[in-house]
């Protein structure tokens, strides 16, 4: 499985959490590593969680969209669209 780095890329509107551009966390298998003194919005996190397992796996079929580089996820809050870049950073530790 691949490690994933999830980074706030940009914010359109108002995020009341507040997430900041550049904030990031690591998804390591079933663990989430958040840097000290930082946090992740649980509403954005619960919306992203279904795709983490898909993006962590090895390519299973040629042309699989989930194996093609970074992915962008947008928080579902219509008033504070937070764009997250999800990138594979290597193999699980």
N, C-alpha and C. Protein backbone atom coordinates (compact mmCIF):
# COMPACT_ATOMS: atom_id res chain seq x y z
N UNK A 1 0.83 -1.19 0.00
CA UNK A 1 0.00 0.00 0.00
C UNK A 1 0.87 1.25 0.00
N UNK A 2 0.37 2.28 -0.61
CA UNK A 2 1.08 3.55 -0.68
C UNK A 2 0.71 4.45 0.49
N UNK A 3 1.69 5.23 0.95
CA UNK A 3 1.40 6.34 1.87
C UNK A 3 0.77 7.44 1.04
N UNK A 4 -0.16 8.16 1.64
CA UNK A 4 -0.77 9.30 0.98
C UNK A 4 -0.49 10.56 1.78
N UNK A 5 -0.15 11.62 1.08
CA UNK A 5 -0.02 12.93 1.71
C UNK A 5 -1.19 13.77 1.21
N UNK A 6 -1.95 14.31 2.15
CA UNK A 6 -3.11 15.13 1.82
C UNK A 6 -2.80 16.56 2.25
N UNK A 7 -2.83 17.48 1.30
CA UNK A 7 -2.42 18.87 1.55
C UNK A 7 -3.51 19.82 1.11
N UNK A 8 -3.79 20.84 1.92
CA UNK A 8 -4.72 21.90 1.53
C UNK A 8 -4.04 22.71 0.43
N UNK A 9 -4.64 22.70 -0.75
CA UNK A 9 -4.06 23.37 -1.91
C UNK A 9 -4.58 24.80 -2.06
N UNK A 10 -5.87 24.98 -1.86
CA UNK A 10 -6.45 26.32 -1.92
C UNK A 10 -7.82 26.30 -1.24
N UNK A 11 -8.30 27.49 -0.91
CA UNK A 11 -9.60 27.65 -0.25
C UNK A 11 -10.38 28.72 -0.99
N UNK A 12 -11.59 28.38 -1.37
CA UNK A 12 -12.48 29.35 -2.00
C UNK A 12 -13.65 29.57 -1.04
N UNK A 13 -13.75 30.74 -0.50
CA UNK A 13 -14.81 31.03 0.46
C UNK A 13 -14.25 31.02 1.87
N UNK A 14 -15.08 30.67 2.83
CA UNK A 14 -14.72 30.72 4.24
C UNK A 14 -14.74 29.32 4.84
N UNK A 15 -13.63 28.91 5.42
CA UNK A 15 -13.52 27.63 6.13
C UNK A 15 -13.54 27.94 7.62
N UNK A 16 -14.55 27.47 8.34
CA UNK A 16 -14.67 27.80 9.76
C UNK A 16 -13.88 26.87 10.68
N UNK A 17 -13.00 26.03 10.15
CA UNK A 17 -12.28 25.08 11.00
C UNK A 17 -11.05 25.64 11.70
N UNK A 18 -10.22 26.47 11.31
CA UNK A 18 -9.90 26.90 9.94
C UNK A 18 -8.75 26.06 9.38
N UNK A 19 -8.95 25.54 8.22
CA UNK A 19 -7.86 24.88 7.51
C UNK A 19 -7.07 25.99 6.81
N UNK A 20 -5.78 25.81 6.69
CA UNK A 20 -4.92 26.80 6.05
C UNK A 20 -4.21 26.18 4.85
N UNK A 21 -3.98 26.97 3.83
CA UNK A 21 -3.23 26.48 2.67
C UNK A 21 -1.87 25.98 3.16
N UNK A 22 -1.51 24.78 2.73
CA UNK A 22 -0.25 24.17 3.14
C UNK A 22 -0.41 23.16 4.27
N UNK A 23 -1.52 23.21 5.02
CA UNK A 23 -1.76 22.20 6.06
C UNK A 23 -1.81 20.83 5.41
N UNK A 24 -1.26 19.82 6.08
CA UNK A 24 -1.25 18.48 5.49
C UNK A 24 -1.27 17.42 6.58
N UNK A 25 -1.56 16.21 6.15
CA UNK A 25 -1.49 15.03 7.02
C UNK A 25 -1.16 13.83 6.15
N UNK A 26 -0.74 12.76 6.79
CA UNK A 26 -0.34 11.53 6.10
C UNK A 26 -1.34 10.42 6.43
N UNK A 27 -1.74 9.67 5.41
CA UNK A 27 -2.55 8.47 5.59
C UNK A 27 -1.60 7.30 5.40
N UNK A 28 -1.44 6.51 6.46
CA UNK A 28 -0.50 5.39 6.50
C UNK A 28 -1.31 4.14 6.82
N UNK A 29 -1.78 3.45 5.77
CA UNK A 29 -2.67 2.31 6.00
C UNK A 29 -3.95 2.81 6.66
N UNK A 30 -4.24 2.30 7.83
CA UNK A 30 -5.42 2.71 8.56
C UNK A 30 -5.16 3.81 9.58
N UNK A 31 -3.96 4.40 9.53
CA UNK A 31 -3.60 5.45 10.49
C UNK A 31 -3.54 6.80 9.78
N UNK A 32 -3.86 7.84 10.56
CA UNK A 32 -3.72 9.20 10.07
C UNK A 32 -2.74 9.92 10.97
N UNK A 33 -1.68 10.47 10.37
CA UNK A 33 -0.66 11.20 11.13
C UNK A 33 -0.81 12.69 10.85
N UNK A 34 -1.17 13.43 11.90
CA UNK A 34 -1.38 14.87 11.79
C UNK A 34 -0.24 15.56 12.54
N UNK A 35 0.43 16.53 11.91
CA UNK A 35 1.52 17.23 12.60
C UNK A 35 1.04 17.88 13.91
N UNK A 36 1.94 17.99 14.85
CA UNK A 36 1.65 18.61 16.14
C UNK A 36 1.08 20.01 15.95
N UNK A 37 0.10 20.35 16.76
CA UNK A 37 -0.56 21.65 16.76
C UNK A 37 -1.39 21.91 15.50
N UNK A 38 -1.67 20.88 14.70
CA UNK A 38 -2.51 21.01 13.52
C UNK A 38 -3.73 20.12 13.70
N UNK A 39 -4.65 20.21 12.78
CA UNK A 39 -5.86 19.39 12.84
C UNK A 39 -6.39 19.18 11.43
N UNK A 40 -7.44 18.36 11.33
CA UNK A 40 -8.14 18.16 10.07
C UNK A 40 -9.63 18.23 10.36
N UNK A 41 -10.35 18.89 9.52
CA UNK A 41 -11.81 19.00 9.65
C UNK A 41 -12.42 17.61 9.52
N UNK A 42 -13.20 17.20 10.51
CA UNK A 42 -13.77 15.85 10.46
C UNK A 42 -14.79 15.70 9.34
N UNK A 43 -15.42 16.79 8.91
CA UNK A 43 -16.40 16.69 7.83
C UNK A 43 -15.69 16.45 6.50
N UNK A 44 -14.60 17.14 6.28
CA UNK A 44 -13.82 16.91 5.06
C UNK A 44 -13.21 15.51 5.10
N UNK A 45 -12.67 15.13 6.27
CA UNK A 45 -12.04 13.82 6.41
C UNK A 45 -13.02 12.69 6.12
N UNK A 46 -14.22 12.76 6.71
CA UNK A 46 -15.17 11.66 6.49
C UNK A 46 -15.60 11.59 5.02
N UNK A 47 -15.56 12.71 4.32
CA UNK A 47 -15.90 12.70 2.89
C UNK A 47 -14.79 12.09 2.04
N UNK A 48 -13.53 12.25 2.47
CA UNK A 48 -12.39 11.70 1.73
C UNK A 48 -12.13 10.23 2.02
N UNK A 49 -12.51 9.77 3.20
CA UNK A 49 -12.12 8.43 3.65
C UNK A 49 -12.44 7.30 2.67
N UNK A 50 -13.58 7.32 1.99
CA UNK A 50 -13.85 6.20 1.07
C UNK A 50 -12.83 6.05 -0.06
N UNK A 51 -12.17 7.14 -0.46
CA UNK A 51 -11.22 7.01 -1.56
C UNK A 51 -9.80 6.70 -1.11
N UNK A 52 -9.51 6.80 0.19
CA UNK A 52 -8.15 6.53 0.65
C UNK A 52 -7.70 5.11 0.32
N UNK A 53 -8.52 4.13 0.61
CA UNK A 53 -8.14 2.73 0.34
C UNK A 53 -7.92 2.51 -1.16
N UNK A 54 -8.74 3.13 -1.98
CA UNK A 54 -8.61 3.01 -3.43
C UNK A 54 -7.28 3.60 -3.90
N UNK A 55 -6.92 4.76 -3.37
CA UNK A 55 -5.69 5.42 -3.81
C UNK A 55 -4.44 4.78 -3.22
N UNK A 56 -4.56 4.08 -2.10
CA UNK A 56 -3.40 3.45 -1.47
C UNK A 56 -2.98 2.16 -2.16
N UNK A 57 -3.87 1.52 -2.85
CA UNK A 57 -3.57 0.20 -3.41
C UNK A 57 -2.66 0.28 -4.63
N UNK A 58 -2.08 -0.84 -4.95
CA UNK A 58 -1.26 -0.95 -6.15
C UNK A 58 -2.17 -0.98 -7.38
N UNK A 59 -1.64 -0.62 -8.53
CA UNK A 59 -2.43 -0.65 -9.76
C UNK A 59 -2.91 -2.08 -10.03
N UNK A 60 -4.19 -2.21 -10.28
CA UNK A 60 -4.72 -3.54 -10.53
C UNK A 60 -5.06 -3.76 -12.00
N UNK A 61 -5.38 -2.68 -12.70
CA UNK A 61 -5.76 -2.79 -14.10
C UNK A 61 -5.10 -1.63 -14.87
N UNK A 62 -4.58 -1.93 -16.04
CA UNK A 62 -3.98 -0.88 -16.86
C UNK A 62 -5.02 0.20 -17.17
N UNK A 63 -4.63 1.45 -17.00
CA UNK A 63 -5.55 2.55 -17.27
C UNK A 63 -6.43 2.94 -16.09
N UNK A 64 -6.21 2.34 -14.94
CA UNK A 64 -6.98 2.64 -13.73
C UNK A 64 -6.77 4.11 -13.35
N UNK A 65 -7.82 4.91 -13.28
CA UNK A 65 -7.69 6.35 -13.00
C UNK A 65 -7.04 6.62 -11.65
N UNK A 66 -7.23 5.73 -10.68
CA UNK A 66 -6.70 5.95 -9.33
C UNK A 66 -5.19 5.81 -9.26
N UNK A 67 -4.58 5.28 -10.29
CA UNK A 67 -3.13 5.10 -10.27
C UNK A 67 -2.41 6.21 -11.03
N UNK A 68 -3.14 7.18 -11.53
CA UNK A 68 -2.57 8.24 -12.35
C UNK A 68 -2.26 9.49 -11.54
N UNK A 69 -1.15 9.50 -10.86
CA UNK A 69 -0.67 10.70 -10.17
C UNK A 69 -1.56 11.21 -9.07
N UNK A 70 -1.42 12.50 -8.82
CA UNK A 70 -2.15 13.14 -7.73
C UNK A 70 -3.63 13.25 -8.05
N UNK A 71 -4.43 13.34 -7.01
CA UNK A 71 -5.87 13.54 -7.14
C UNK A 71 -6.24 14.79 -6.36
N UNK A 72 -7.29 15.47 -6.77
CA UNK A 72 -7.77 16.65 -6.04
C UNK A 72 -9.15 16.33 -5.52
N UNK A 73 -9.36 16.66 -4.25
CA UNK A 73 -10.64 16.44 -3.58
C UNK A 73 -11.13 17.79 -3.07
N UNK A 74 -12.42 18.06 -3.20
CA UNK A 74 -12.99 19.31 -2.72
C UNK A 74 -13.94 19.02 -1.57
N UNK A 75 -13.74 19.73 -0.47
CA UNK A 75 -14.61 19.60 0.70
C UNK A 75 -16.05 19.86 0.27
N UNK A 76 -17.01 19.14 0.83
CA UNK A 76 -18.41 19.30 0.41
C UNK A 76 -19.10 20.56 0.93
N UNK A 77 -18.43 21.37 1.76
CA UNK A 77 -19.05 22.59 2.29
C UNK A 77 -19.18 23.63 1.18
N UNK A 78 -20.40 24.00 0.78
CA UNK A 78 -20.58 24.95 -0.33
C UNK A 78 -20.12 26.37 0.00
N UNK A 79 -19.98 26.72 1.28
CA UNK A 79 -19.57 28.07 1.66
C UNK A 79 -18.06 28.21 1.81
N UNK A 80 -17.38 27.11 1.96
CA UNK A 80 -15.93 27.14 2.17
C UNK A 80 -15.25 26.01 1.45
N UNK A 81 -15.21 26.07 0.14
CA UNK A 81 -14.61 24.98 -0.63
C UNK A 81 -13.12 24.91 -0.36
N UNK A 82 -12.72 23.83 0.30
CA UNK A 82 -11.30 23.59 0.56
C UNK A 82 -10.86 22.51 -0.42
N UNK A 83 -9.81 22.81 -1.19
CA UNK A 83 -9.28 21.87 -2.17
C UNK A 83 -8.08 21.16 -1.56
N UNK A 84 -8.13 19.84 -1.55
CA UNK A 84 -7.07 19.01 -1.00
C UNK A 84 -6.38 18.28 -2.15
N UNK A 85 -5.06 18.30 -2.19
CA UNK A 85 -4.29 17.48 -3.13
C UNK A 85 -3.91 16.20 -2.40
N UNK A 86 -4.23 15.06 -3.00
CA UNK A 86 -3.90 13.75 -2.43
C UNK A 86 -2.85 13.13 -3.32
N UNK A 87 -1.66 12.91 -2.74
CA UNK A 87 -0.56 12.37 -3.53
C UNK A 87 0.04 11.14 -2.87
N UNK A 88 0.46 10.20 -3.70
CA UNK A 88 1.17 9.03 -3.19
C UNK A 88 2.60 9.42 -2.91
N UNK A 89 3.09 9.08 -1.71
CA UNK A 89 4.44 9.51 -1.35
C UNK A 89 5.41 8.35 -1.20
N UNK A 90 4.96 7.14 -1.37
CA UNK A 90 5.85 6.00 -1.24
C UNK A 90 5.11 4.81 -0.67
N UNK A 91 5.87 3.84 -0.25
CA UNK A 91 5.30 2.62 0.31
C UNK A 91 5.02 2.80 1.80
N UNK A 92 4.05 2.06 2.29
CA UNK A 92 3.68 2.08 3.69
C UNK A 92 4.90 1.78 4.57
N UNK A 93 5.01 2.50 5.66
CA UNK A 93 6.15 2.30 6.57
C UNK A 93 5.89 1.16 7.53
